[in-house]
């Protein structure tokens, strides 16, 4: 593995960053909202699943009223 100087490393990093296609504001907002929505749906799904499993276990063991 060839060693590079810190200055060469910084130059290469800048070259690579110039190649990056950054998202626009609109795309960023839509992507963020999509992630938040899907995370909320996943949290709701796992919460409900946990509640149902807890109810079934309590019913089987006779702890539920």
N, C-alpha and C. Protein backbone atom coordinates (compact mmCIF):
# COMPACT_ATOMS: atom_id res chain seq x y z
N UNK A 1 0.85 -1.18 0.00
CA UNK A 1 0.00 0.00 0.00
C UNK A 1 0.89 1.24 0.00
N UNK A 2 0.68 2.08 -0.98
CA UNK A 2 1.51 3.28 -1.11
C UNK A 2 1.09 4.32 -0.08
N UNK A 3 2.07 4.96 0.50
CA UNK A 3 1.78 6.02 1.46
C UNK A 3 1.67 7.34 0.72
N UNK A 4 0.69 8.14 1.13
CA UNK A 4 0.53 9.46 0.52
C UNK A 4 0.71 10.51 1.59
N UNK A 5 1.11 11.67 1.15
CA UNK A 5 1.29 12.78 2.09
C UNK A 5 -0.08 13.33 2.48
N UNK A 6 -0.18 14.00 3.62
CA UNK A 6 -1.46 14.59 4.00
C UNK A 6 -1.98 15.58 2.96
N UNK A 7 -1.10 16.33 2.32
CA UNK A 7 -1.53 17.29 1.30
C UNK A 7 -2.13 16.56 0.10
N UNK A 8 -1.50 15.47 -0.33
CA UNK A 8 -2.02 14.68 -1.45
C UNK A 8 -3.37 14.08 -1.08
N UNK A 9 -3.50 13.61 0.15
CA UNK A 9 -4.77 13.05 0.61
C UNK A 9 -5.88 14.09 0.52
N UNK A 10 -5.61 15.30 0.99
CA UNK A 10 -6.62 16.37 0.96
C UNK A 10 -7.00 16.69 -0.48
N UNK A 11 -6.02 16.74 -1.39
CA UNK A 11 -6.32 17.00 -2.80
C UNK A 11 -7.22 15.91 -3.38
N UNK A 12 -6.93 14.66 -3.05
CA UNK A 12 -7.74 13.56 -3.57
C UNK A 12 -9.16 13.59 -3.00
N UNK A 13 -9.27 13.95 -1.73
CA UNK A 13 -10.60 14.06 -1.11
C UNK A 13 -11.41 15.14 -1.81
N UNK A 14 -10.79 16.29 -2.07
CA UNK A 14 -11.49 17.37 -2.76
C UNK A 14 -11.92 16.96 -4.17
N UNK A 15 -11.07 16.20 -4.86
CA UNK A 15 -11.42 15.72 -6.19
C UNK A 15 -12.63 14.79 -6.14
N UNK A 16 -12.64 13.91 -5.16
CA UNK A 16 -13.76 12.98 -5.04
C UNK A 16 -15.05 13.71 -4.63
N UNK A 17 -14.95 14.70 -3.75
CA UNK A 17 -16.13 15.46 -3.34
C UNK A 17 -16.72 16.25 -4.50
N UNK A 18 -15.87 16.65 -5.44
CA UNK A 18 -16.37 17.38 -6.61
C UNK A 18 -17.22 16.47 -7.50
N UNK A 19 -17.04 15.17 -7.40
CA UNK A 19 -17.80 14.21 -8.21
C UNK A 19 -19.17 13.88 -7.61
N UNK A 20 -19.36 14.22 -6.36
CA UNK A 20 -20.59 13.87 -5.66
C UNK A 20 -21.76 14.69 -6.19
N UNK A 21 -22.88 14.04 -6.41
CA UNK A 21 -24.11 14.74 -6.79
C UNK A 21 -24.93 14.93 -5.52
N UNK A 22 -24.97 16.14 -5.04
CA UNK A 22 -25.68 16.42 -3.80
C UNK A 22 -27.17 16.57 -4.09
N UNK A 23 -28.04 16.10 -3.18
CA UNK A 23 -29.48 16.24 -3.40
C UNK A 23 -29.92 17.70 -3.26
N UNK A 24 -30.96 18.05 -4.00
CA UNK A 24 -31.53 19.38 -3.87
C UNK A 24 -32.39 19.46 -2.61
N UNK A 25 -32.83 20.65 -2.29
CA UNK A 25 -33.62 20.83 -1.08
C UNK A 25 -34.91 20.02 -1.13
N UNK A 26 -35.58 20.03 -2.29
CA UNK A 26 -36.85 19.31 -2.44
C UNK A 26 -36.66 17.79 -2.24
N UNK A 27 -35.63 17.24 -2.86
CA UNK A 27 -35.35 15.82 -2.71
C UNK A 27 -34.98 15.48 -1.27
N UNK A 28 -34.23 16.34 -0.63
CA UNK A 28 -33.83 16.13 0.76
C UNK A 28 -35.05 16.11 1.68
N UNK A 29 -35.98 17.04 1.47
CA UNK A 29 -37.19 17.11 2.30
C UNK A 29 -38.04 15.86 2.09
N UNK A 30 -38.26 15.46 0.83
CA UNK A 30 -39.08 14.28 0.56
C UNK A 30 -38.44 13.02 1.13
N UNK A 31 -37.14 12.89 0.99
CA UNK A 31 -36.45 11.72 1.52
C UNK A 31 -36.54 11.69 3.05
N UNK A 32 -36.34 12.83 3.68
CA UNK A 32 -36.43 12.90 5.14
C UNK A 32 -37.83 12.54 5.62
N UNK A 33 -38.85 13.08 4.97
CA UNK A 33 -40.22 12.76 5.35
C UNK A 33 -40.54 11.29 5.13
N UNK A 34 -40.02 10.71 4.07
CA UNK A 34 -40.23 9.29 3.82
C UNK A 34 -39.60 8.44 4.91
N UNK A 35 -38.40 8.79 5.31
CA UNK A 35 -37.71 8.04 6.37
C UNK A 35 -38.48 8.16 7.68
N UNK A 36 -38.94 9.36 8.01
CA UNK A 36 -39.70 9.55 9.25
C UNK A 36 -41.02 8.77 9.22
N UNK A 37 -41.70 8.79 8.08
CA UNK A 37 -42.97 8.06 7.96
C UNK A 37 -42.75 6.56 8.09
N UNK A 38 -41.77 6.02 7.40
CA UNK A 38 -41.52 4.58 7.47
C UNK A 38 -41.04 4.16 8.86
N UNK A 39 -40.25 5.00 9.52
CA UNK A 39 -39.81 4.70 10.88
C UNK A 39 -40.99 4.70 11.84
N UNK A 40 -41.91 5.63 11.65
CA UNK A 40 -43.10 5.68 12.50
C UNK A 40 -43.99 4.46 12.29
N UNK A 41 -44.16 4.06 11.02
CA UNK A 41 -44.95 2.86 10.74
C UNK A 41 -44.30 1.61 11.33
N UNK A 42 -43.00 1.50 11.22
CA UNK A 42 -42.29 0.35 11.80
C UNK A 42 -42.44 0.34 13.32
N UNK A 43 -42.31 1.51 13.95
CA UNK A 43 -42.45 1.59 15.40
C UNK A 43 -43.86 1.19 15.83
N UNK A 44 -44.87 1.66 15.11
CA UNK A 44 -46.25 1.31 15.42
C UNK A 44 -46.48 -0.19 15.25
N UNK A 45 -45.96 -0.76 14.15
CA UNK A 45 -46.11 -2.19 13.91
C UNK A 45 -45.50 -3.00 15.05
N UNK A 46 -44.26 -2.68 15.44
CA UNK A 46 -43.60 -3.44 16.49
C UNK A 46 -44.26 -3.23 17.85
N UNK A 47 -44.77 -2.04 18.11
CA UNK A 47 -45.50 -1.79 19.35
C UNK A 47 -46.76 -2.65 19.43
N UNK A 48 -47.53 -2.64 18.34
CA UNK A 48 -48.77 -3.44 18.33
C UNK A 48 -48.47 -4.93 18.42
N UNK A 49 -47.45 -5.38 17.70
CA UNK A 49 -47.06 -6.79 17.77
C UNK A 49 -46.65 -7.17 19.18
N UNK A 50 -45.89 -6.33 19.83
CA UNK A 50 -45.46 -6.59 21.20
C UNK A 50 -46.66 -6.65 22.15
N UNK A 51 -47.61 -5.75 21.97
CA UNK A 51 -48.79 -5.74 22.82
C UNK A 51 -49.63 -7.01 22.64
N UNK A 52 -49.77 -7.45 21.40
CA UNK A 52 -50.54 -8.66 21.12
C UNK A 52 -49.85 -9.88 21.72
N UNK A 53 -48.54 -9.97 21.55
CA UNK A 53 -47.81 -11.11 22.12
C UNK A 53 -47.90 -11.10 23.64
N UNK A 54 -47.78 -9.92 24.25
CA UNK A 54 -47.89 -9.83 25.71
C UNK A 54 -49.28 -10.27 26.17
N UNK A 55 -50.32 -9.86 25.44
CA UNK A 55 -51.69 -10.25 25.80
C UNK A 55 -51.86 -11.77 25.69
N UNK A 56 -51.34 -12.36 24.63
CA UNK A 56 -51.45 -13.81 24.43
C UNK A 56 -50.72 -14.57 25.54
N UNK A 57 -49.52 -14.12 25.89
CA UNK A 57 -48.77 -14.79 26.95
C UNK A 57 -49.50 -14.68 28.27
N UNK A 58 -50.04 -13.50 28.59
CA UNK A 58 -50.79 -13.35 29.84
C UNK A 58 -52.03 -14.23 29.84
N UNK A 59 -52.70 -14.33 28.70
CA UNK A 59 -53.90 -15.15 28.61
C UNK A 59 -53.55 -16.63 28.79
N UNK A 60 -52.47 -17.09 28.17
CA UNK A 60 -52.05 -18.49 28.28
C UNK A 60 -51.65 -18.82 29.71
N UNK A 61 -50.92 -17.93 30.37
CA UNK A 61 -50.45 -18.19 31.72
C UNK A 61 -51.51 -17.89 32.78
N UNK A 62 -52.62 -17.34 32.38
CA UNK A 62 -53.71 -17.08 33.32
C UNK A 62 -53.54 -15.82 34.15
N UNK A 63 -52.67 -14.89 33.74
CA UNK A 63 -52.46 -13.68 34.50
C UNK A 63 -53.43 -12.58 34.09
N UNK A 64 -54.05 -12.72 32.92
CA UNK A 64 -54.95 -11.69 32.45
C UNK A 64 -56.29 -11.79 33.12
N UNK A 65 -56.89 -10.66 33.40
CA UNK A 65 -58.15 -10.62 34.11
C UNK A 65 -59.22 -11.08 33.25
